[in-house]
């Protein structure tokens, strides 16, 4: 799949260096998109102090719909290329997975020279901001989008789903996902809980599906969660969000039923005249509680404590491969795609997807 092909070089940019840094980007640098990948290139000149410092260096391509201020990173990190400092400078050039921001608005792009020090501090040493904006040709939601949650199901109504790419450019497998997030989605990483999902298929370039209606099982979100409908596409890096719409979460509230007060029976003069009180029917306990009670009565040994989550950023290949359901080749892919800014980012590793992450989420940590 080839989404778009574009290149920017140093003539179309503004360099913003940290005042106290002699390590900067050289005159030659740029980026070139090619489908789901981006080619990054840059000349980097290192100071003597930085050559001897214990730091991890990288080139990062960022996209922001609000532009950039100073050397502060903003928006969504599209790609990252690790580099090694060398005396006399280096010429870095490589092809990386590209994960553009979701949505159909224009974005300013910037190439950042970043150093992560041993104490965990991340420093932006130089930032090249490119003058002309980019609009990414991605599958998108068109027109009105609604999501109604009721009785354990999600009803999605979408005016259209479109693929604006060239006619010979098929999309990857497209899916609609509903998420309950901590904050409204803004196009980058997120934290939250899945609510519902449905695979909608592959869409040819220049085509669209109209009047899309889907009703699927749903897990009701917690009250106050930010509800988001995402259009996601399968790529070599896993599922990537291409477009989205935010909604106010309106979960159905279950009113608490007040128990009727138990009236004490008056003592009967004669046993035969006593009217037997109807027993109070207790509410059924959740299945999990019933099972727990049964185990306690039967005297079965308690379950072992849950295993400590394994870090996707720090664990060795053997530690990751020891997780049940995580093949060794996926463990290698997780290590190769480090570092991760959030647990959901691990989906960019080959072999990891949303479903596998959902199964292993409790066994993984950042």
Protein backbone atom coordinates (compact mmCIF):
# COMPACT_ATOMS: atom_id res chain seq x y z
CA UNK A 1 0.00 0.00 0.00
CA UNK A 2 1.36 3.43 -1.00
CA UNK A 3 -0.49 6.22 0.76
CA UNK A 4 1.48 9.26 -0.42
CA UNK A 5 4.99 10.21 -1.44
CA UNK A 6 6.41 13.58 -0.43
CA UNK A 7 9.78 15.00 0.47
CA UNK A 8 10.99 18.05 2.40
CA UNK A 9 14.57 19.21 2.72
CA UNK A 10 16.39 21.82 4.75
CA UNK A 11 15.59 24.74 2.45
CA UNK A 12 11.99 24.60 3.63
CA UNK A 13 12.49 24.91 7.36
CA UNK A 14 13.54 26.98 10.39
CA UNK A 15 16.15 25.68 12.87
CA UNK A 16 15.55 26.34 16.56
CA UNK A 17 18.55 25.21 18.66
CA UNK A 18 18.90 25.17 22.45
CA UNK A 19 21.04 28.14 23.48
CA UNK A 20 23.42 26.02 25.56
CA UNK A 21 23.99 23.20 23.06
CA UNK A 22 26.74 22.89 20.45
CA UNK A 23 25.30 19.62 19.15
CA UNK A 24 22.95 20.54 16.30
CA UNK A 25 21.44 19.41 13.04
CA UNK A 26 23.55 20.21 10.01
CA UNK A 27 22.40 22.06 6.89
CA UNK A 28 21.20 18.88 5.18
CA UNK A 29 18.16 17.12 6.59
CA UNK A 30 14.63 16.21 5.59
CA UNK A 31 11.91 13.59 5.34
CA UNK A 32 10.13 11.68 2.55
CA UNK A 33 6.91 9.73 3.00
CA UNK A 34 6.37 6.51 1.06
CA UNK A 35 3.13 4.77 2.02
CA UNK A 36 3.31 3.54 5.61
CA UNK A 37 7.00 4.47 5.85
CA UNK A 38 9.03 7.66 6.04
CA UNK A 39 12.68 8.16 5.05
CA UNK A 40 14.55 10.40 7.51
CA UNK A 41 17.93 11.94 6.78
CA UNK A 42 20.08 14.44 8.67
CA UNK A 43 23.64 15.61 9.17
CA UNK A 44 24.36 15.83 12.92
CA UNK A 45 27.41 17.54 14.44
CA UNK A 46 28.27 16.49 18.01
CA UNK A 47 30.18 18.55 20.56
CA UNK A 48 33.12 16.99 22.44
CA UNK A 49 31.14 17.08 25.69
CA UNK A 50 28.26 15.13 24.14
CA UNK A 51 30.59 12.55 22.63
CA UNK A 52 31.68 11.63 26.16
CA UNK A 53 28.23 11.90 27.75
CA UNK A 54 26.10 8.87 28.60
CA UNK A 55 23.03 9.63 26.47
CA UNK A 56 20.79 7.91 23.92
CA UNK A 57 20.30 9.98 20.75
CA UNK A 58 17.52 9.91 18.16
CA UNK A 59 15.92 11.81 15.31
CA UNK A 60 12.17 12.24 15.78
CA UNK A 61 9.61 13.49 13.26
CA UNK A 62 6.66 15.30 14.90
CA UNK A 63 3.36 16.58 13.49
CA UNK A 64 1.27 19.28 15.19
CA UNK A 65 -1.94 20.98 14.05
CA UNK A 66 -1.06 23.96 16.28
CA UNK A 67 2.55 24.44 15.16
CA UNK A 68 5.65 24.52 17.40
CA UNK A 69 6.96 27.00 19.97
CA UNK A 70 10.70 27.14 20.64
CA UNK A 71 12.17 23.66 21.08
CA UNK A 72 9.05 22.30 22.79
CA UNK A 73 7.69 19.14 21.16
CA UNK A 74 3.98 19.18 20.38
CA UNK A 75 1.37 17.03 18.67
CA UNK A 76 2.11 13.44 17.59
CA UNK A 77 5.44 11.66 17.12
CA UNK A 78 5.26 10.26 13.58
CA UNK A 79 8.58 8.37 13.45
CA UNK A 80 11.87 7.87 15.32
CA UNK A 81 15.39 6.90 14.21
CA UNK A 82 18.09 5.96 16.75
CA UNK A 83 21.54 7.41 16.00
CA UNK A 84 25.05 6.94 17.46
CA UNK A 85 27.27 9.99 18.17
CA UNK A 86 30.64 10.05 16.38
CA UNK A 87 33.54 12.47 16.30
CA UNK A 88 33.28 14.74 13.29
CA UNK A 89 29.52 14.19 13.01
CA UNK A 90 27.37 11.65 11.19
CA UNK A 91 25.08 11.44 8.16
CA UNK A 92 21.98 9.58 9.34
CA UNK A 93 19.60 8.12 6.74
CA UNK A 94 17.05 5.33 7.19
CA UNK A 95 13.49 4.22 6.48
CA UNK A 96 11.17 4.03 9.50
CA UNK A 97 7.58 3.03 10.19
CA UNK A 98 5.38 6.14 9.98
CA UNK A 99 2.34 6.65 12.18
CA UNK A 100 0.81 9.99 11.10
CA UNK A 101 -1.70 11.77 13.34
CA UNK A 102 -5.34 10.82 12.97
CA UNK A 103 -7.75 13.24 11.33
CA UNK A 104 -7.96 15.21 8.09
CA UNK A 105 -6.55 18.62 9.12
CA UNK A 106 -3.25 20.20 8.05
CA UNK A 107 -0.22 19.62 10.29
CA UNK A 108 3.09 21.40 10.69
CA UNK A 109 6.05 18.98 10.72
CA UNK A 110 9.34 19.27 12.58
CA UNK A 111 12.50 17.14 12.84
CA UNK A 112 13.87 16.99 16.39
CA UNK A 113 17.35 15.99 17.59
CA UNK A 114 16.69 14.39 20.98
CA UNK A 115 18.99 13.16 23.76
CA UNK A 116 17.78 10.92 26.61
CA UNK A 117 20.23 11.08 29.52
CA UNK A 118 21.02 8.32 32.02
CA UNK A 119 18.85 9.98 34.70
CA UNK A 120 15.79 9.76 32.46
CA UNK A 121 15.75 13.37 31.28
CA UNK A 122 14.74 13.99 27.64
CA UNK A 123 16.35 17.02 26.00
CA UNK A 124 15.53 18.52 22.61
CA UNK A 125 18.90 19.75 21.31
CA UNK A 126 17.69 21.07 17.95
CA UNK A 127 14.37 21.39 16.15
CA UNK A 128 13.89 22.02 12.41
CA UNK A 129 10.35 23.25 11.68
CA UNK A 130 9.25 22.87 8.05
CA UNK A 131 7.29 25.80 6.68
CA UNK A 132 4.63 24.15 4.50
CA UNK A 133 1.97 21.99 6.17
CA UNK A 134 1.12 18.36 5.39
CA UNK A 135 -2.30 16.78 4.96
CA UNK A 136 -2.12 12.99 5.16
CA UNK A 137 -4.18 10.96 2.67
CA UNK A 138 -5.80 8.48 5.01
CA UNK A 139 -9.14 6.66 5.25
CA UNK A 140 -11.56 8.95 7.03
CA UNK A 141 -15.04 9.37 8.49
CA UNK A 142 -17.28 11.66 6.44
CA UNK A 143 -20.32 13.60 7.59
CA UNK A 144 -22.40 12.73 10.63
CA UNK A 145 -21.25 10.04 13.06
CA UNK A 146 -23.32 8.80 15.99
CA UNK A 147 -22.79 6.16 18.67
CA UNK A 148 -25.59 4.95 20.93
CA UNK A 149 -24.90 2.62 23.86
CA UNK A 150 -27.84 0.68 25.28
CA UNK A 151 -28.51 -2.70 26.84
CA UNK A 152 -24.99 -4.02 26.25
CA UNK A 153 -24.75 -3.02 22.59
CA UNK A 154 -23.32 -0.15 20.53
CA UNK A 155 -25.23 1.21 17.53
CA UNK A 156 -22.91 3.05 15.12
CA UNK A 157 -24.34 5.22 12.33
CA UNK A 158 -21.83 6.83 9.95
CA UNK A 159 -22.77 8.92 6.92
CA UNK A 160 -19.76 7.65 4.96
CA UNK A 161 -16.31 6.04 5.22
CA UNK A 162 -13.95 7.22 2.46
CA UNK A 163 -10.52 6.34 1.08
CA UNK A 164 -9.10 9.51 -0.60
CA UNK A 165 -5.99 7.77 -1.98
CA UNK A 166 -5.33 6.95 -5.64
CA UNK A 167 -7.63 4.49 -7.42
CA UNK A 168 -5.06 1.66 -7.37
CA UNK A 169 -4.34 2.14 -3.66
CA UNK A 170 -6.38 -0.27 -1.53
CA UNK A 171 -6.64 0.41 2.16
CA UNK A 172 -5.50 -2.06 4.75
CA UNK A 173 -8.23 -3.85 6.70
CA UNK A 174 -10.39 -1.14 8.29
CA UNK A 175 -12.00 -1.42 11.71
CA UNK A 176 -14.25 0.77 13.81
CA UNK A 177 -13.45 0.85 17.52
CA UNK A 178 -15.25 2.57 20.38
CA UNK A 179 -13.10 3.54 23.37
CA UNK A 180 -13.77 5.03 26.79
CA UNK A 181 -10.80 7.32 27.47
CA UNK A 182 -9.54 9.35 30.40
CA UNK A 183 -9.61 12.53 28.28
CA UNK A 184 -11.04 13.36 24.81
CA UNK A 185 -8.90 11.87 22.05
CA UNK A 186 -6.54 14.27 20.23
CA UNK A 187 -4.96 12.05 17.57
CA UNK A 188 -1.98 10.47 19.35
CA UNK A 189 -1.53 7.89 22.11
CA UNK A 190 -4.31 7.31 24.60
CA UNK A 191 -5.24 5.47 27.78
CA UNK A 192 -8.63 3.93 28.32
CA UNK A 193 -10.81 0.86 27.96
CA UNK A 194 -12.23 -0.76 24.78
CA UNK A 195 -16.03 -0.58 24.50
CA UNK A 196 -16.84 -2.14 21.10
CA UNK A 197 -15.27 -2.97 17.74
CA UNK A 198 -16.20 -4.23 14.27
CA UNK A 199 -14.14 -5.09 11.16
CA UNK A 200 -15.59 -3.22 8.16
CA UNK A 201 -13.31 -4.46 5.35
CA UNK A 202 -10.93 -3.17 2.66
CA UNK A 203 -11.78 -0.02 0.68
CA UNK A 204 -10.42 0.89 -2.76
CA UNK A 205 -8.82 4.25 -3.42
CA UNK A 206 -11.22 6.99 -4.52
CA UNK A 207 -14.21 5.05 -3.11
CA UNK A 208 -16.45 5.32 -0.08
CA UNK A 209 -19.14 3.36 1.76
CA UNK A 210 -22.36 5.31 2.42
CA UNK A 211 -24.99 5.03 5.17
CA UNK A 212 -22.92 2.67 7.33
CA UNK A 213 -24.91 1.08 10.18
CA UNK A 214 -23.45 -1.40 12.68
CA UNK A 215 -24.82 -2.88 15.91
CA UNK A 216 -22.27 -4.82 17.97
CA UNK A 217 -21.89 -6.06 21.57
CA UNK A 218 -20.45 -3.44 23.92
CA UNK A 219 -18.99 -3.11 27.39
CA UNK A 220 -20.68 -0.15 29.05
CA UNK A 221 -18.12 2.57 29.95
CA UNK A 222 -17.69 4.08 33.39
CA UNK A 223 -19.69 7.22 34.07
CA UNK A 224 -17.75 10.34 33.02
CA UNK A 225 -15.44 8.59 30.54
CA UNK A 226 -14.67 10.37 27.25
CA UNK A 227 -16.24 8.31 24.46
CA UNK A 228 -14.40 8.12 21.12
CA UNK A 229 -15.16 6.34 17.83
CA UNK A 230 -11.95 5.56 15.90
CA UNK A 231 -11.44 4.44 12.31
CA UNK A 232 -8.33 2.23 12.37
CA UNK A 233 -6.33 0.64 9.55
CA UNK A 234 -4.08 -2.42 9.56
CA UNK A 235 -0.49 -1.53 8.57
CA UNK A 236 2.94 -3.21 8.89
CA UNK A 237 3.10 -1.58 12.34
CA UNK A 238 -0.28 -3.00 13.41
CA UNK A 239 -3.58 -1.13 13.65
CA UNK A 240 -3.18 2.66 13.34
CA UNK A 241 -5.87 5.27 14.02
CA UNK A 242 -6.73 7.19 10.84
CA UNK A 243 -9.72 9.29 11.93
CA UNK A 244 -11.93 9.76 14.99
CA UNK A 245 -14.92 11.51 16.54
CA UNK A 246 -15.34 12.38 20.22
CA UNK A 247 -18.67 12.08 22.05
CA UNK A 248 -19.96 12.70 25.55
CA UNK A 249 -20.32 9.38 27.38
CA UNK A 250 -23.86 8.75 28.53
CA UNK A 251 -23.88 5.31 30.13
CA UNK A 252 -27.18 3.95 31.34
CA UNK A 253 -27.50 4.39 35.08
CA UNK A 254 -28.91 1.49 37.05
CA UNK A 255 -31.02 2.86 39.88
CA UNK A 256 -30.40 1.25 43.23
CA UNK A 257 -33.48 -0.58 44.54
CA UNK A 258 -34.11 0.27 48.17
CA UNK A 259 -34.80 -2.78 50.28
CA UNK A 260 -38.10 -2.72 52.10
CA UNK A 261 -37.74 -2.51 55.87
CA UNK A 262 -38.32 -5.78 57.63
CA UNK A 263 -41.35 -5.49 59.93
CA UNK A 264 -41.04 -7.41 63.13
CA UNK A 265 -43.84 -9.92 63.50
CA UNK A 266 -46.02 -9.56 66.56
CA UNK A 267 -45.93 -12.54 68.89
CA UNK A 268 -48.88 -14.79 68.14
CA UNK A 269 -51.22 -15.86 70.90
CA UNK A 270 -51.41 -19.34 69.49
CA UNK A 271 -48.89 -21.15 67.27
CA UNK A 272 -51.58 -22.34 64.88
CA UNK A 273 -52.82 -18.79 64.40
CA UNK A 274 -49.39 -17.45 63.51
CA UNK A 275 -49.02 -16.35 59.92
CA UNK A 276 -45.67 -17.37 58.44
CA UNK A 277 -43.78 -14.35 57.14
CA UNK A 278 -42.60 -14.58 53.55
CA UNK A 279 -38.84 -14.91 53.40
CA UNK A 280 -36.93 -11.88 52.14
CA UNK A 281 -35.37 -12.76 48.76
CA UNK A 282 -31.77 -11.59 48.64
CA UNK A 283 -30.38 -10.08 45.44
CA UNK A 284 -28.35 -12.54 43.40
CA UNK A 285 -24.63 -12.13 43.88
CA UNK A 286 -22.37 -11.66 40.85
CA UNK A 287 -21.08 -14.93 39.47
CA UNK A 288 -17.56 -14.10 40.60
CA UNK A 289 -18.76 -13.63 44.20
CA UNK A 290 -20.70 -16.90 44.20
CA UNK A 291 -17.68 -18.83 42.97
CA UNK A 292 -15.51 -17.21 45.61
CA UNK A 293 -17.94 -18.20 48.34
CA UNK A 294 -18.08 -21.77 47.05
CA UNK A 295 -14.30 -22.02 47.11
CA UNK A 296 -14.21 -20.76 50.68
CA UNK A 297 -16.75 -23.33 51.84
CA UNK A 298 -15.09 -26.19 50.01
CA UNK A 299 -11.78 -25.33 51.58
CA UNK A 300 -9.89 -25.25 48.28
CA UNK A 301 -6.55 -23.46 48.31
CA UNK A 302 -6.62 -19.81 47.28
CA UNK A 303 -5.35 -18.83 43.83
CA UNK A 304 -1.75 -17.80 43.55
CA UNK A 305 -1.03 -14.08 43.50
CA UNK A 306 -0.91 -12.56 40.02
CA UNK A 307 2.51 -12.49 38.42
CA UNK A 308 4.34 -9.16 38.41
CA UNK A 309 3.82 -7.34 35.05
CA UNK A 310 6.80 -7.45 32.67
CA UNK A 311 8.17 -4.14 31.33
CA UNK A 312 7.94 -3.77 27.53
CA UNK A 313 10.74 -1.18 27.66
CA UNK A 314 13.20 -3.00 29.96
CA UNK A 315 12.55 -6.76 29.93
CA UNK A 316 14.86 -9.20 28.18
CA UNK A 317 13.73 -11.45 25.35
CA UNK A 318 13.55 -14.46 27.70
CA UNK A 319 11.43 -12.53 30.21
CA UNK A 320 8.95 -11.48 27.52
CA UNK A 321 8.87 -14.92 25.89
CA UNK A 322 8.08 -16.46 29.30
CA UNK A 323 4.67 -14.75 29.23
CA UNK A 324 1.99 -17.28 28.30
CA UNK A 325 0.54 -16.41 24.90
CA UNK A 326 3.51 -14.28 23.77
CA UNK A 327 5.66 -16.09 21.15
CA UNK A 328 9.42 -15.54 21.15
CA UNK A 329 9.37 -13.91 17.71
CA UNK A 330 6.88 -11.32 19.02
CA UNK A 331 9.13 -10.76 22.05
CA UNK A 332 11.99 -9.99 19.64
CA UNK A 333 9.74 -7.60 17.69
CA UNK A 334 8.77 -5.79 20.92
CA UNK A 335 12.43 -5.27 21.79
CA UNK A 336 13.23 -4.08 18.25
CA UNK A 337 10.47 -1.43 18.33
CA UNK A 338 11.49 0.14 21.67
CA UNK A 339 11.06 2.61 23.29
CA UNK A 340 7.32 2.93 23.97
CA UNK A 341 5.62 6.03 25.36
CA UNK A 342 2.52 4.09 26.46
CA UNK A 343 1.43 0.48 26.80
CA UNK A 344 -0.82 0.82 23.72
CA UNK A 345 2.26 1.73 21.63
CA UNK A 346 3.41 -1.92 21.83
CA UNK A 347 0.88 -2.65 19.04
CA UNK A 348 3.41 -1.20 16.58
CA UNK A 349 5.62 -4.28 17.18
CA UNK A 350 5.19 -6.96 14.50
CA UNK A 351 2.83 -9.67 15.70
CA UNK A 352 1.20 -7.53 18.40
CA UNK A 353 -2.31 -6.32 17.76
CA UNK A 354 -5.22 -4.90 19.70
CA UNK A 355 -6.69 -8.33 20.49
CA UNK A 356 -3.39 -9.79 21.71
CA UNK A 357 -2.71 -6.69 23.81
CA UNK A 358 -6.17 -6.95 25.38
CA UNK A 359 -5.38 -10.55 26.43
CA UNK A 360 -1.91 -9.73 27.79
CA UNK A 361 -2.46 -6.19 29.14
CA UNK A 362 -2.52 -7.32 32.79
CA UNK A 363 0.82 -9.12 32.30
CA UNK A 364 2.61 -6.13 30.71
CA UNK A 365 3.84 -2.81 32.05
CA UNK A 366 5.57 0.23 30.56
